[in-house]
Amino acid sequence: MRRPLACLIPCFFTPLHEWSQQDIDKAIGVLEDFLQEHPAAGSLTHFNILAELHLQQGRHQRVADVVRTAADTFGNQELPIDLQVGKHNLGAEAF
């Protein structure tokens, strides 16, 4: 079985602030592709990491999109605290 996220493992041994732009863009692409191709295998952790990567890049609208998608996908589960904060900052009208 192919492990689509395995290519990201070396990145997670380096603090995020030390990642290159290319590393972050690659990680975003891999995570977005994974979540599109394997939605049932995704978890809140995947969305949490994806939101953090977009935030690191200053892509606030993409963070909002990720928070909305996570809330829609896992509506019956409690979101991780940082996604809860993102959802709160977006306001109720965004949902």
C-alpha atoms as a PDB file:
ATOM      1  CA  MET A   1       0.000   0.000   0.000  1.00  0.00           C
ATOM      2  CA  ARG A   2       1.313   3.418  -0.950  1.00  0.00           C
ATOM      3  CA  ARG A   3       1.648   5.849   1.951  1.00  0.00           C
ATOM      4  CA  PRO A   4       0.819   9.271   0.476  1.00  0.00           C
ATOM      5  CA  LEU A   5       1.939  11.283   3.496  1.00  0.00           C
ATOM      6  CA  ALA A   6       5.199   9.408   4.067  1.00  0.00           C
ATOM      7  CA  CYS A   7       7.146  11.993   2.055  1.00  0.00           C
ATOM      8  CA  LEU A   8       6.350  14.559   4.767  1.00  0.00           C
ATOM      9  CA  ILE A   9       7.922  12.604   7.626  1.00  0.00           C
ATOM     10  CA  PRO A  10      11.407  14.192   7.336  1.00  0.00           C
ATOM     11  CA  CYS A  11       9.838  17.657   7.516  1.00  0.00           C
ATOM     12  CA  PHE A  12       8.241  16.954  10.873  1.00  0.00           C
ATOM     13  CA  PHE A  13      11.641  16.483  12.509  1.00  0.00           C
ATOM     14  CA  THR A  14      12.443  20.132  11.769  1.00  0.00           C
ATOM     15  CA  PRO A  15      10.655  23.003  13.552  1.00  0.00           C
ATOM     16  CA  LEU A  16       8.132  24.678  11.254  1.00  0.00           C
ATOM     17  CA  HIS A  17       9.886  28.050  11.391  1.00  0.00           C
ATOM     18  CA  GLU A  18      12.936  26.387   9.783  1.00  0.00           C
ATOM     19  CA  TRP A  19      11.023  24.951   6.818  1.00  0.00           C
ATOM     20  CA  SER A  20      11.698  26.475   3.416  1.00  0.00           C
ATOM     21  CA  GLN A  21       8.919  27.968   1.314  1.00  0.00           C
ATOM     22  CA  GLN A  22       9.263  24.957  -0.976  1.00  0.00           C
ATOM     23  CA  ASP A  23       8.858  22.507   1.940  1.00  0.00           C
ATOM     24  CA  ILE A  24       5.704  24.251   3.132  1.00  0.00           C
ATOM     25  CA  ASP A  25       4.196  24.422  -0.357  1.00  0.00           C
ATOM     26  CA  LYS A  26       4.960  20.732  -0.928  1.00  0.00           C
ATOM     27  CA  ALA A  27       3.402  19.764   2.407  1.00  0.00           C
ATOM     28  CA  ILE A  28       0.288  21.816   1.637  1.00  0.00           C
ATOM     29  CA  GLY A  29      -0.045  20.182  -1.767  1.00  0.00           C
ATOM     30  CA  VAL A  30       0.390  16.671  -0.389  1.00  0.00           C
ATOM     31  CA  LEU A  31      -2.114  17.230   2.431  1.00  0.00           C
ATOM     32  CA  GLU A  32      -4.702  18.853   0.160  1.00  0.00           C
ATOM     33  CA  ASP A  33      -4.354  16.040  -2.393  1.00  0.00           C
ATOM     34  CA  PHE A  34      -4.597  13.421   0.347  1.00  0.00           C
ATOM     35  CA  LEU A  35      -7.751  14.957   1.829  1.00  0.00           C
ATOM     36  CA  GLN A  36      -9.372  15.203  -1.606  1.00  0.00           C
ATOM     37  CA  GLU A  37      -8.439  11.688  -2.702  1.00  0.00           C
ATOM     38  CA  HIS A  38      -8.991   9.933   0.642  1.00  0.00           C
ATOM     39  CA  PRO A  39     -11.581  11.951   2.593  1.00  0.00           C
ATOM     40  CA  ALA A  40     -12.566   8.990   4.784  1.00  0.00           C
ATOM     41  CA  ALA A  41      -8.924   8.510   5.843  1.00  0.00           C
ATOM     42  CA  GLY A  42      -8.517  12.155   6.847  1.00  0.00           C
ATOM     43  CA  SER A  43      -8.601  13.311  10.442  1.00  0.00           C
ATOM     44  CA  LEU A  44      -8.807  16.558  12.339  1.00  0.00           C
ATOM     45  CA  THR A  45      -5.043  16.328  12.752  1.00  0.00           C
ATOM     46  CA  HIS A  46      -4.621  16.573   8.973  1.00  0.00           C
ATOM     47  CA  PHE A  47      -6.818  19.681   8.868  1.00  0.00           C
ATOM     48  CA  ASN A  48      -5.022  21.133  11.876  1.00  0.00           C
ATOM     49  CA  ILE A  49      -1.612  20.725  10.210  1.00  0.00           C
ATOM     50  CA  LEU A  50      -2.932  22.126   6.939  1.00  0.00           C
ATOM     51  CA  ALA A  51      -4.336  25.204   8.686  1.00  0.00           C
ATOM     52  CA  GLU A  52      -1.026  25.737  10.500  1.00  0.00           C
ATOM     53  CA  LEU A  53       0.920  25.533   7.243  1.00  0.00           C
ATOM     54  CA  HIS A  54      -1.357  28.086   5.561  1.00  0.00           C
ATOM     55  CA  LEU A  55      -1.105  30.336   8.626  1.00  0.00           C
ATOM     56  CA  GLN A  56       2.694  30.136   8.469  1.00  0.00           C
ATOM     57  CA  GLN A  57       2.424  31.475   4.908  1.00  0.00           C
ATOM     58  CA  GLY A  58       0.030  34.261   5.890  1.00  0.00           C
ATOM     59  CA  ARG A  59      -2.760  32.724   3.792  1.00  0.00           C
ATOM     60  CA  HIS A  60      -5.594  33.642   6.139  1.00  0.00           C
ATOM     61  CA  GLN A  61      -8.399  33.021   3.656  1.00  0.00           C
ATOM     62  CA  ARG A  62      -7.088  29.494   3.082  1.00  0.00           C
ATOM     63  CA  VAL A  63      -6.968  28.983   6.872  1.00  0.00           C
ATOM     64  CA  ALA A  64     -10.624  30.018   6.984  1.00  0.00           C
ATOM     65  CA  ASP A  65     -11.436  27.546   4.196  1.00  0.00           C
ATOM     66  CA  VAL A  66      -9.665  24.727   6.041  1.00  0.00           C
ATOM     67  CA  VAL A  67     -11.485  25.521   9.309  1.00  0.00           C
ATOM     68  CA  ARG A  68     -14.848  25.563   7.494  1.00  0.00           C
ATOM     69  CA  THR A  69     -14.126  22.267   5.748  1.00  0.00           C
ATOM     70  CA  ALA A  70     -12.992  20.635   9.007  1.00  0.00           C
ATOM     71  CA  ALA A  71     -16.120  21.869  10.795  1.00  0.00           C
ATOM     72  CA  ASP A  72     -18.341  20.591   7.970  1.00  0.00           C
ATOM     73  CA  THR A  73     -16.549  17.255   7.734  1.00  0.00           C
ATOM     74  CA  PHE A  74     -16.314  16.582  11.474  1.00  0.00           C
ATOM     75  CA  GLY A  75     -19.312  18.580  12.674  1.00  0.00           C
ATOM     76  CA  ASN A  76     -20.157  16.103  15.419  1.00  0.00           C
ATOM     77  CA  GLN A  77     -16.601  16.065  16.836  1.00  0.00           C
ATOM     78  CA  GLU A  78     -14.947  18.717  18.938  1.00  0.00           C
ATOM     79  CA  LEU A  79     -12.370  20.630  16.902  1.00  0.00           C
ATOM     80  CA  PRO A  80      -8.802  20.970  18.222  1.00  0.00           C
ATOM     81  CA  ILE A  81      -8.411  24.177  20.222  1.00  0.00           C
ATOM     82  CA  ASP A  82      -6.558  26.086  17.511  1.00  0.00           C
ATOM     83  CA  LEU A  83      -9.259  25.255  14.943  1.00  0.00           C
ATOM     84  CA  GLN A  84     -11.887  26.285  17.510  1.00  0.00           C
ATOM     85  CA  VAL A  85     -10.135  29.636  17.858  1.00  0.00           C
ATOM     86  CA  GLY A  86     -10.053  29.968  14.066  1.00  0.00           C
ATOM     87  CA  LYS A  87     -13.748  29.162  13.872  1.00  0.00           C
ATOM     88  CA  HIS A  88     -14.515  31.662  16.634  1.00  0.00           C
ATOM     89  CA  ASN A  89     -12.482  34.364  14.874  1.00  0.00           C
ATOM     90  CA  LEU A  90     -14.369  33.742  11.638  1.00  0.00           C
ATOM     91  CA  GLY A  91     -17.668  34.400  13.385  1.00  0.00           C
ATOM     92  CA  ALA A  92     -20.908  32.458  13.382  1.00  0.00           C
ATOM     93  CA  GLU A  93     -22.043  33.989  10.089  1.00  0.00           C
ATOM     94  CA  ALA A  94     -19.220  32.165   8.286  1.00  0.00           C
ATOM     95  CA  PHE A  95     -20.834  28.838   9.173  1.00  0.00           C
END
